[in-house]
PDB file of N, CA and C in Angstrom:
ATOM      1  N   MET A   1      -9.535   7.701   0.252  1.00  0.00           N
ATOM      2  CA  MET A   1      -9.145   7.132   1.275  1.00  0.00           C
ATOM      3  C   MET A   1      -8.202   8.634   1.740  1.00  0.00           C
ATOM      4  N   ASP A   2      -8.533   9.095   3.410  1.00  0.00           N
ATOM      5  CA  ASP A   2      -8.074  10.056   4.162  1.00  0.00           C
ATOM      6  C   ASP A   2      -6.780   9.522   4.411  1.00  0.00           C
ATOM      7  N   SER A   3      -6.527   8.511   4.841  1.00  0.00           N
ATOM      8  CA  SER A   3      -5.486   8.380   5.600  1.00  0.00           C
ATOM      9  C   SER A   3      -5.333   6.438   5.500  1.00  0.00           C
ATOM     10  N   VAL A   4      -3.536   6.555   5.480  1.00  0.00           N
ATOM     11  CA  VAL A   4      -3.173   5.163   4.920  1.00  0.00           C
ATOM     12  C   VAL A   4      -3.817   4.293   6.079  1.00  0.00           C
ATOM     13  N   GLU A   5      -4.449   4.826   7.701  1.00  0.00           N
ATOM     14  CA  GLU A   5      -5.115   3.764   8.540  1.00  0.00           C
ATOM     15  C   GLU A   5      -6.275   3.441   8.247  1.00  0.00           C
ATOM     16  N   LYS A   6      -6.896   4.084   7.322  1.00  0.00           N
ATOM     17  CA  LYS A   6      -8.449   3.873   6.713  1.00  0.00           C
ATOM     18  C   LYS A   6      -8.437   3.029   5.334  1.00  0.00           C
ATOM     19  N   HIS A   7      -7.360   3.183   4.840  1.00  0.00           N
ATOM     20  CA  HIS A   7      -7.324   2.106   3.808  1.00  0.00           C
ATOM     21  C   HIS A   7      -6.713   1.023   4.146  1.00  0.00           C
ATOM     22  N   ILE A   8      -5.781   0.768   4.905  1.00  0.00           N
ATOM     23  CA  ILE A   8      -5.949  -0.803   5.953  1.00  0.00           C
ATOM     24  C   ILE A   8      -7.073  -1.223   6.090  1.00  0.00           C
ATOM     25  N   GLN A   9      -7.690  -0.327   6.969  1.00  0.00           N
ATOM     26  CA  GLN A   9      -9.125  -0.753   7.645  1.00  0.00           C
ATOM     27  C   GLN A   9      -9.982  -1.431   6.276  1.00  0.00           C
ATOM     28  N   TYR A  10      -9.877  -0.418   5.586  1.00  0.00           N
ATOM     29  CA  TYR A  10     -10.924  -1.293   4.293  1.00  0.00           C
ATOM     30  C   TYR A  10     -10.192  -2.440   3.768  1.00  0.00           C
ATOM     31  N   ASP A  11      -9.452  -2.570   3.328  1.00  0.00           N
ATOM     32  CA  ASP A  11      -8.451  -3.773   2.690  1.00  0.00           C
ATOM     33  C   ASP A  11      -9.378  -4.851   3.391  1.00  0.00           C
ATOM     34  N   LYS A  12      -8.866  -4.443   4.735  1.00  0.00           N
ATOM     35  CA  LYS A  12      -9.329  -5.827   5.749  1.00  0.00           C
ATOM     36  C   LYS A  12     -10.738  -6.110   5.849  1.00  0.00           C
ATOM     37  N   LYS A  13     -11.799  -5.196   5.881  1.00  0.00           N
ATOM     38  CA  LYS A  13     -13.063  -5.197   4.983  1.00  0.00           C
ATOM     39  C   LYS A  13     -12.805  -6.432   4.119  1.00  0.00           C
ATOM     40  N   ILE A  14     -12.344  -5.917   3.197  1.00  0.00           N
ATOM     41  CA  ILE A  14     -12.741  -6.736   1.646  1.00  0.00           C
ATOM     42  C   ILE A  14     -12.271  -8.290   2.096  1.00  0.00           C
ATOM     43  N   LEU A  15     -11.108  -8.257   2.409  1.00  0.00           N
ATOM     44  CA  LEU A  15     -10.607  -9.518   3.221  1.00  0.00           C
ATOM     45  C   LEU A  15     -11.535 -10.373   3.777  1.00  0.00           C
ATOM     46  N   ASP A  16     -12.451 -10.113   4.708  1.00  0.00           N
ATOM     47  CA  ASP A  16     -13.247 -10.556   5.589  1.00  0.00           C
ATOM     48  C   ASP A  16     -14.413 -10.823   4.674  1.00  0.00           C
ATOM     49  N   ASP A  17     -14.563 -10.381   3.359  1.00  0.00           N
ATOM     50  CA  ASP A  17     -16.301 -10.439   2.847  1.00  0.00           C
ATOM     51  C   ASP A  17     -15.682 -11.926   2.443  1.00  0.00           C
ATOM     52  N   PRO A  18     -16.397 -13.207   2.608  1.00  0.00           N
ATOM     53  CA  PRO A  18     -16.400 -14.313   1.886  1.00  0.00           C
ATOM     54  C   PRO A  18     -17.048 -14.168   0.641  1.00  0.00           C
ATOM     55  N   LEU A  19     -17.415 -12.851   0.086  1.00  0.00           N
ATOM     56  CA  LEU A  19     -17.937 -12.763  -1.544  1.00  0.00           C
ATOM     57  C   LEU A  19     -16.537 -12.169  -2.294  1.00  0.00           C
ATOM     58  N   THR A  20     -15.695 -12.037  -1.477  1.00  0.00           N
ATOM     59  CA  THR A  20     -14.382 -11.539  -2.476  1.00  0.00           C
ATOM     60  C   THR A  20     -14.011 -12.104  -3.487  1.00  0.00           C
ATOM     61  N   SER A  21     -14.018 -12.048  -4.955  1.00  0.00           N
ATOM     62  CA  SER A  21     -13.075 -12.817  -5.510  1.00  0.00           C
ATOM     63  C   SER A  21     -11.521 -13.390  -5.551  1.00  0.00           C
ATOM     64  N   PRO A  22     -10.969 -14.277  -5.769  1.00  0.00           N
ATOM     65  CA  PRO A  22      -9.937 -14.731  -5.671  1.00  0.00           C
ATOM     66  C   PRO A  22      -8.643 -13.928  -6.032  1.00  0.00           C
ATOM     67  N   GLN A  23      -9.087 -13.014  -7.456  1.00  0.00           N
ATOM     68  CA  GLN A  23      -8.668 -12.449  -7.908  1.00  0.00           C
ATOM     69  C   GLN A  23      -8.525 -10.673  -7.128  1.00  0.00           C
ATOM     70  N   ALA A  24      -9.459 -10.546  -6.687  1.00  0.00           N
ATOM     71  CA  ALA A  24      -9.586  -9.330  -5.647  1.00  0.00           C
ATOM     72  C   ALA A  24      -8.671  -9.526  -4.257  1.00  0.00           C
ATOM     73  N   ARG A  25      -8.972 -10.566  -3.900  1.00  0.00           N
ATOM     74  CA  ARG A  25      -8.578 -11.111  -2.341  1.00  0.00           C
ATOM     75  C   ARG A  25      -6.784 -11.162  -2.764  1.00  0.00           C
ATOM     76  N   ARG A  26      -6.456 -11.744  -3.940  1.00  0.00           N
ATOM     77  CA  ARG A  26      -4.872 -11.936  -3.981  1.00  0.00           C
ATOM     78  C   ARG A  26      -4.641 -10.089  -4.056  1.00  0.00           C
ATOM     79  N   HIS A  27      -4.856  -9.407  -4.775  1.00  0.00           N
ATOM     80  CA  HIS A  27      -4.500  -8.203  -5.116  1.00  0.00           C
ATOM     81  C   HIS A  27      -4.694  -7.189  -3.509  1.00  0.00           C
ATOM     82  N   THR A  28      -5.471  -7.485  -3.395  1.00  0.00           N
ATOM     83  CA  THR A  28      -6.198  -6.641  -1.718  1.00  0.00           C
ATOM     84  C   THR A  28      -4.746  -7.287  -0.793  1.00  0.00           C
ATOM     85  N   GLU A  29      -4.714  -8.765  -0.811  1.00  0.00           N
ATOM     86  CA  GLU A  29      -3.392  -9.056   0.179  1.00  0.00           C
ATOM     87  C   GLU A  29      -2.150  -8.215  -0.180  1.00  0.00           C
ATOM     88  N   GLU A  30      -1.811  -8.210  -1.267  1.00  0.00           N
ATOM     89  CA  GLU A  30      -0.634  -8.520  -1.832  1.00  0.00           C
ATOM     90  C   GLU A  30      -0.549  -5.892  -1.367  1.00  0.00           C
ATOM     91  N   GLU A  31      -1.551  -5.705  -1.935  1.00  0.00           N
ATOM     92  CA  GLU A  31      -1.509  -4.140  -1.346  1.00  0.00           C
ATOM     93  C   GLU A  31      -2.007  -4.192   0.317  1.00  0.00           C
ATOM     94  N   LEU A  32      -2.511  -4.606   0.848  1.00  0.00           N
ATOM     95  CA  LEU A  32      -2.167  -4.636   2.380  1.00  0.00           C
ATOM     96  C   LEU A  32      -0.808  -4.595   3.161  1.00  0.00           C
ATOM     97  N   ILE A  33      -0.234  -5.645   2.439  1.00  0.00           N
ATOM     98  CA  ILE A  33       0.955  -6.480   2.766  1.00  0.00           C
ATOM     99  C   ILE A  33       2.247  -5.073   2.568  1.00  0.00           C
ATOM    100  N   ALA A  34       1.867  -4.050   1.647  1.00  0.00           N
ATOM    101  CA  ALA A  34       2.631  -3.137   0.831  1.00  0.00           C
ATOM    102  C   ALA A  34       2.339  -1.805   1.698  1.00  0.00           C
ATOM    103  N   LEU A  35       0.928  -1.588   2.108  1.00  0.00           N
ATOM    104  CA  LEU A  35       0.572  -0.696   3.388  1.00  0.00           C
ATOM    105  C   LEU A  35       1.351  -0.768   4.473  1.00  0.00           C
ATOM    106  N   GLU A  36       1.028  -1.849   5.209  1.00  0.00           N
ATOM    107  CA  GLU A  36       1.562  -2.398   6.389  1.00  0.00           C
ATOM    108  C   GLU A  36       3.325  -1.733   6.508  1.00  0.00           C
ATOM    109  N   LYS A  37       3.846  -2.582   5.587  1.00  0.00           N
ATOM    110  CA  LYS A  37       5.056  -2.325   5.287  1.00  0.00           C
ATOM    111  C   LYS A  37       5.872  -0.424   5.115  1.00  0.00           C
ATOM    112  N   TRP A  38       4.589  -0.108   4.679  1.00  0.00           N
ATOM    113  CA  TRP A  38       4.744   1.405   4.308  1.00  0.00           C
ATOM    114  C   TRP A  38       4.641   2.469   5.767  1.00  0.00           C
ATOM    115  N   VAL A  39       3.754   1.688   6.613  1.00  0.00           N
ATOM    116  CA  VAL A  39       3.397   2.322   8.241  1.00  0.00           C
ATOM    117  C   VAL A  39       4.583   1.682   8.848  1.00  0.00           C
ATOM    118  N   GLU A  40       5.317   0.682   8.696  1.00  0.00           N
ATOM    119  CA  GLU A  40       6.197   0.034   9.520  1.00  0.00           C
ATOM    120  C   GLU A  40       7.449   1.507   9.024  1.00  0.00           C
ATOM    121  N   ASN A  41       7.538   1.489   7.724  1.00  0.00           N
ATOM    122  CA  ASN A  41       8.734   2.719   7.705  1.00  0.00           C
ATOM    123  C   ASN A  41       8.569   4.029   7.360  1.00  0.00           C
ATOM    124  N   HIS A  42       7.472   4.490   7.714  1.00  0.00           N
ATOM    125  CA  HIS A  42       7.156   5.719   7.411  1.00  0.00           C
ATOM    126  C   HIS A  42       5.991   5.937   8.773  1.00  0.00           C
ATOM    127  N   PRO A  43       6.505   5.670   9.943  1.00  0.00           N
ATOM    128  CA  PRO A  43       5.287   5.967  10.922  1.00  0.00           C
ATOM    129  C   PRO A  43       4.739   7.231  11.215  1.00  0.00           C
ATOM    130  N   GLU A  44       5.556   8.580  11.140  1.00  0.00           N
ATOM    131  CA  GLU A  44       4.904   9.964  11.373  1.00  0.00           C
ATOM    132  C   GLU A  44       4.462   9.901  10.060  1.00  0.00           C
ATOM    133  N   ASP A  45       4.252   9.586   8.819  1.00  0.00           N
ATOM    134  CA  ASP A  45       3.218  10.144   7.565  1.00  0.00           C
ATOM    135  C   ASP A  45       2.037   8.621   7.492  1.00  0.00           C
ATOM    136  N   HIS A  46       0.971   9.607   7.591  1.00  0.00           N
ATOM    137  CA  HIS A  46      -0.389   9.267   7.750  1.00  0.00           C
ATOM    138  C   HIS A  46      -1.428   9.602   6.517  1.00  0.00           C
ATOM    139  N   HIS A  47      -0.442  10.177   5.643  1.00  0.00           N
ATOM    140  CA  HIS A  47      -1.345  10.042   3.884  1.00  0.00           C
ATOM    141  C   HIS A  47      -1.324   8.999   3.749  1.00  0.00           C
ATOM    142  N   ASN A  48      -2.286   8.657   2.472  1.00  0.00           N
ATOM    143  CA  ASN A  48      -2.731   7.151   1.894  1.00  0.00           C
ATOM    144  C   ASN A  48      -1.575   7.335   0.925  1.00  0.00           C
ATOM    145  N   PRO A  49      -0.786   6.954   1.005  1.00  0.00           N
ATOM    146  CA  PRO A  49       0.088   6.520  -0.424  1.00  0.00           C
ATOM    147  C   PRO A  49      -0.526   6.220  -1.430  1.00  0.00           C
ATOM    148  N   SER A  50       0.371   6.760  -2.918  1.00  0.00           N
ATOM    149  CA  SER A  50      -0.170   6.057  -4.148  1.00  0.00           C
ATOM    150  C   SER A  50       0.571   4.763  -4.265  1.00  0.00           C
ATOM    151  N   SER A  51       0.178   4.131  -5.559  1.00  0.00           N
ATOM    152  CA  SER A  51       0.844   2.476  -5.809  1.00  0.00           C
ATOM    153  C   SER A  51       1.992   3.039  -6.091  1.00  0.00           C
ATOM    154  N   LEU A  52       2.690   4.200  -6.747  1.00  0.00           N
ATOM    155  CA  LEU A  52       4.042   4.308  -7.209  1.00  0.00           C
ATOM    156  C   LEU A  52       4.589   4.575  -5.584  1.00  0.00           C
ATOM    157  N   GLU A  53       4.374   5.104  -4.780  1.00  0.00           N
ATOM    158  CA  GLU A  53       4.863   5.446  -3.631  1.00  0.00           C
ATOM    159  C   GLU A  53       5.179   4.301  -2.967  1.00  0.00           C
ATOM    160  N   LEU A  54       4.251   3.236  -2.705  1.00  0.00           N
ATOM    161  CA  LEU A  54       4.165   1.550  -2.167  1.00  0.00           C
ATOM    162  C   LEU A  54       5.344   1.335  -3.295  1.00  0.00           C
ATOM    163  N   TYR A  55       5.511   1.462  -4.574  1.00  0.00           N
ATOM    164  CA  TYR A  55       6.554   0.420  -5.378  1.00  0.00           C
ATOM    165  C   TYR A  55       7.501   1.259  -4.888  1.00  0.00           C
ATOM    166  N   CYS A  56       7.869   2.320  -4.957  1.00  0.00           N
ATOM    167  CA  CYS A  56       9.372   3.132  -4.408  1.00  0.00           C
ATOM    168  C   CYS A  56       9.831   2.463  -3.064  1.00  0.00           C
ATOM    169  N   ASP A  57       9.009   2.597  -2.038  1.00  0.00           N
ATOM    170  CA  ASP A  57       9.161   2.281  -0.874  1.00  0.00           C
ATOM    171  C   ASP A  57       9.955   0.770  -0.982  1.00  0.00           C
ATOM    172  N   SER A  58       9.238  -0.154  -1.508  1.00  0.00           N
ATOM    173  CA  SER A  58       9.737  -1.626  -1.693  1.00  0.00           C
ATOM    174  C   SER A  58      11.065  -1.759  -2.612  1.00  0.00           C
ATOM    175  N   ASN A  59      10.809  -0.738  -3.560  1.00  0.00           N
ATOM    176  CA  ASN A  59      12.124  -1.187  -4.699  1.00  0.00           C
ATOM    177  C   ASN A  59      12.723   0.581  -4.889  1.00  0.00           C
ATOM    178  N   PRO A  60      13.435   0.819  -3.977  1.00  0.00           N
ATOM    179  CA  PRO A  60      14.193   1.868  -4.363  1.00  0.00           C
ATOM    180  C   PRO A  60      14.912   2.337  -5.481  1.00  0.00           C
ATOM    181  N   GLU A  61      15.642   1.262  -5.822  1.00  0.00           N
ATOM    182  CA  GLU A  61      16.676   1.143  -6.993  1.00  0.00           C
ATOM    183  C   GLU A  61      16.083   0.989  -8.339  1.00  0.00           C
ATOM    184  N   ALA A  62      14.943   1.065  -8.239  1.00  0.00           N
ATOM    185  CA  ALA A  62      14.073   1.184  -9.820  1.00  0.00           C
ATOM    186  C   ALA A  62      14.260   2.447 -10.485  1.00  0.00           C
ATOM    187  N   PRO A  63      14.431   2.404 -11.775  1.00  0.00           N
ATOM    188  CA  PRO A  63      14.303   3.490 -12.759  1.00  0.00           C
ATOM    189  C   PRO A  63      13.332   4.456 -12.431  1.00  0.00           C
ATOM    190  N   GLU A  64      12.236   3.891 -12.011  1.00  0.00           N
ATOM    191  CA  GLU A  64      10.919   4.500 -11.657  1.00  0.00           C
ATOM    192  C   GLU A  64      11.284   5.708 -10.473  1.00  0.00           C
ATOM    193  N   CYS A  65      11.977   5.102  -9.421  1.00  0.00           N
ATOM    194  CA  CYS A  65      11.834   5.932  -8.443  1.00  0.00           C
ATOM    195  C   CYS A  65      13.004   6.776  -8.193  1.00  0.00           C
ATOM    196  N   ARG A  66      13.876   6.702  -9.040  1.00  0.00           N
ATOM    197  CA  ARG A  66      15.321   7.871  -9.036  1.00  0.00           C
ATOM    198  C   ARG A  66      14.737   8.958  -9.024  1.00  0.00           C
ATOM    199  N   VAL A  67      15.246  10.095  -7.672  1.00  0.00           N
ATOM    200  CA  VAL A  67      14.924  11.433  -7.748  1.00  0.00           C
ATOM    201  C   VAL A  67      16.526  11.955  -8.228  1.00  0.00           C
ATOM    202  N   TYR A  68      16.478  12.989  -8.838  1.00  0.00           N
ATOM    203  CA  TYR A  68      17.580  13.462  -9.167  1.00  0.00           C
ATOM    204  C   TYR A  68      17.634  15.214  -9.261  1.00  0.00           C
ATOM    205  N   GLU A  69      19.035  15.842  -8.411  1.00  0.00           N
ATOM    206  CA  GLU A  69      18.320  16.964  -7.770  1.00  0.00           C
ATOM    207  C   GLU A  69      19.464  17.861  -9.160  1.00  0.00           C
ATOM    208  N   ASP A  70      18.977  19.241  -8.957  1.00  0.00           N
ATOM    209  CA  ASP A  70      19.467  19.686 -10.023  1.00  0.00           C
ATOM    210  C   ASP A  70      20.669  20.728  -9.235  1.00  0.00           C
TER     211      ASP A  70
END
């Protein structure tokens, strides 16, 4: 995806498809919530965030998300 907005549109399209499996629907719903929260927290940033970026946005205290400065 080129942008977070396109990713959100893609996820909504998956959720609108009645043939989407329950597992895919659950994953997509969780991803969509994280993407919408990302847009809310970073309105000026339009790149498509990675899974790690989404995780760290929701869990900044997690060991995986620590940033060390030299």
